[in-house]
Amino acid sequence: MSKHDDIAKELAKKFHTTYKSKKGIDLVTPKRVIEVETKKGDIYQGIKQIEKSSKPRYLATNEININNALEATKNTGIGIMDEKGRIIKKASRKKL
């Protein structure tokens, strides 16, 4: 199983939702959407997945990519959380 799947499954448990591994946004809860990305090269694709959502949007990533994710989501309103679901940057409603 990949690091991405591990993180997504952990977060699904934490937020009481199911991880949809095949298509679309990884995790959708009543309050937020969460896309998991574990590779620097996938961060922008992850942002594309969630940018149109009307719910607060979060990109969850592993420790080594937190700074990359923070940089990539600057001025987007997309929040960042670590692999344990701790919020590093709160999502806001700013549109792209």
Protein backbone atom coordinates (compact mmCIF):
# COMPACT_ATOMS: atom_id res chain seq x y z
CA MET A 1 0.00 0.00 0.00
CA SER A 2 1.26 3.49 -0.81
CA LYS A 3 2.04 6.31 1.61
CA HIS A 4 -0.84 8.22 -0.02
CA ASP A 5 -3.30 5.40 0.77
CA ASP A 6 -2.00 5.08 4.34
CA ILE A 7 -2.55 8.78 5.02
CA ALA A 8 -5.95 8.85 3.29
CA LYS A 9 -7.19 5.86 5.29
CA GLU A 10 -5.97 7.36 8.59
CA LEU A 11 -7.67 10.68 7.84
CA ALA A 12 -10.86 8.91 6.74
CA LYS A 13 -10.96 7.22 10.15
CA LYS A 14 -10.27 10.48 11.98
CA PHE A 15 -12.97 12.42 10.09
CA HIS A 16 -15.50 9.54 10.03
CA THR A 17 -15.75 9.28 6.27
CA THR A 18 -14.71 6.90 3.50
CA TYR A 19 -11.63 7.15 1.33
CA LYS A 20 -12.52 7.08 -2.34
CA SER A 21 -9.33 5.88 -3.96
CA LYS A 22 -10.52 5.58 -7.54
CA LYS A 23 -11.70 8.99 -8.65
CA GLY A 24 -12.40 12.51 -7.54
CA ILE A 25 -11.57 14.03 -4.18
CA ASP A 26 -10.02 11.58 -1.71
CA LEU A 27 -12.15 12.51 1.32
CA VAL A 28 -15.46 14.37 1.49
CA THR A 29 -17.03 15.12 4.87
CA PRO A 30 -20.10 17.22 5.65
CA LYS A 31 -17.77 20.09 6.62
CA ARG A 32 -14.76 19.88 4.28
CA VAL A 33 -13.02 18.22 1.36
CA ILE A 34 -9.52 16.78 1.71
CA GLU A 35 -7.15 15.80 -1.07
CA VAL A 36 -4.08 13.79 -0.04
CA GLU A 37 -0.81 14.33 -1.91
CA THR A 38 2.52 12.81 -0.90
CA LYS A 39 4.69 13.82 -3.86
CA LYS A 40 5.81 17.36 -4.66
CA GLY A 41 4.91 16.87 -8.32
CA ASP A 42 1.31 15.96 -7.47
CA ILE A 43 0.51 18.99 -5.32
CA TYR A 44 -0.79 21.15 -8.18
CA GLN A 45 -2.92 18.31 -9.49
CA GLY A 46 -4.33 17.93 -5.95
CA ILE A 47 -5.18 21.63 -5.87
CA LYS A 48 -7.03 21.27 -9.19
CA GLN A 49 -9.09 18.44 -7.68
CA ILE A 50 -10.43 20.56 -4.84
CA GLU A 51 -10.31 24.16 -6.06
CA LYS A 52 -13.92 24.20 -7.30
CA SER A 53 -15.46 22.74 -4.15
CA SER A 54 -17.86 24.95 -2.22
CA LYS A 55 -16.77 23.41 1.10
CA PRO A 56 -13.58 24.40 2.94
CA ARG A 57 -10.76 22.75 0.99
CA TYR A 58 -7.72 21.07 2.47
CA LEU A 59 -4.60 19.53 1.02
CA ALA A 60 -3.19 16.89 3.34
CA THR A 61 0.46 16.04 2.89
CA ASN A 62 3.41 14.37 4.54
CA GLU A 63 5.98 16.26 6.58
CA ILE A 64 8.52 16.72 3.78
CA ASN A 65 5.97 18.43 1.52
CA ILE A 66 4.34 20.85 3.99
CA ASN A 67 6.44 23.80 2.77
CA ASN A 68 5.84 22.88 -0.89
CA ALA A 69 2.10 22.70 -0.22
CA LEU A 70 2.12 26.02 1.67
CA GLU A 71 3.91 27.64 -1.25
CA ALA A 72 1.60 26.09 -3.86
CA THR A 73 -1.60 27.13 -2.04
CA LYS A 74 -0.59 30.73 -1.35
CA ASN A 75 -3.58 33.05 -2.06
CA THR A 76 -5.88 30.15 -2.97
CA GLY A 77 -7.89 29.80 0.24
CA ILE A 78 -6.91 26.11 0.34
CA GLY A 79 -5.87 24.93 3.78
CA ILE A 80 -3.06 22.52 4.62
CA MET A 81 -3.08 19.66 7.08
CA ASP A 82 -0.39 17.21 8.02
CA GLU A 83 -0.68 13.45 7.68
CA LYS A 84 -2.30 13.20 11.13
CA GLY A 85 -5.02 15.70 10.22
CA ARG A 86 -3.57 18.61 12.21
CA ILE A 87 -4.37 21.87 10.49
CA ILE A 88 -1.22 23.78 9.52
CA LYS A 89 -3.07 26.49 7.58
CA LYS A 90 -6.79 27.08 7.92
CA ALA A 91 -8.90 27.08 4.74
CA SER A 92 -10.56 30.34 3.77
CA ARG A 93 -13.10 31.22 1.12
CA LYS A 94 -10.77 33.00 -1.27
CA LYS A 95 -11.41 31.96 -4.87
CA LEU A 96 -8.71 31.23 -7.41
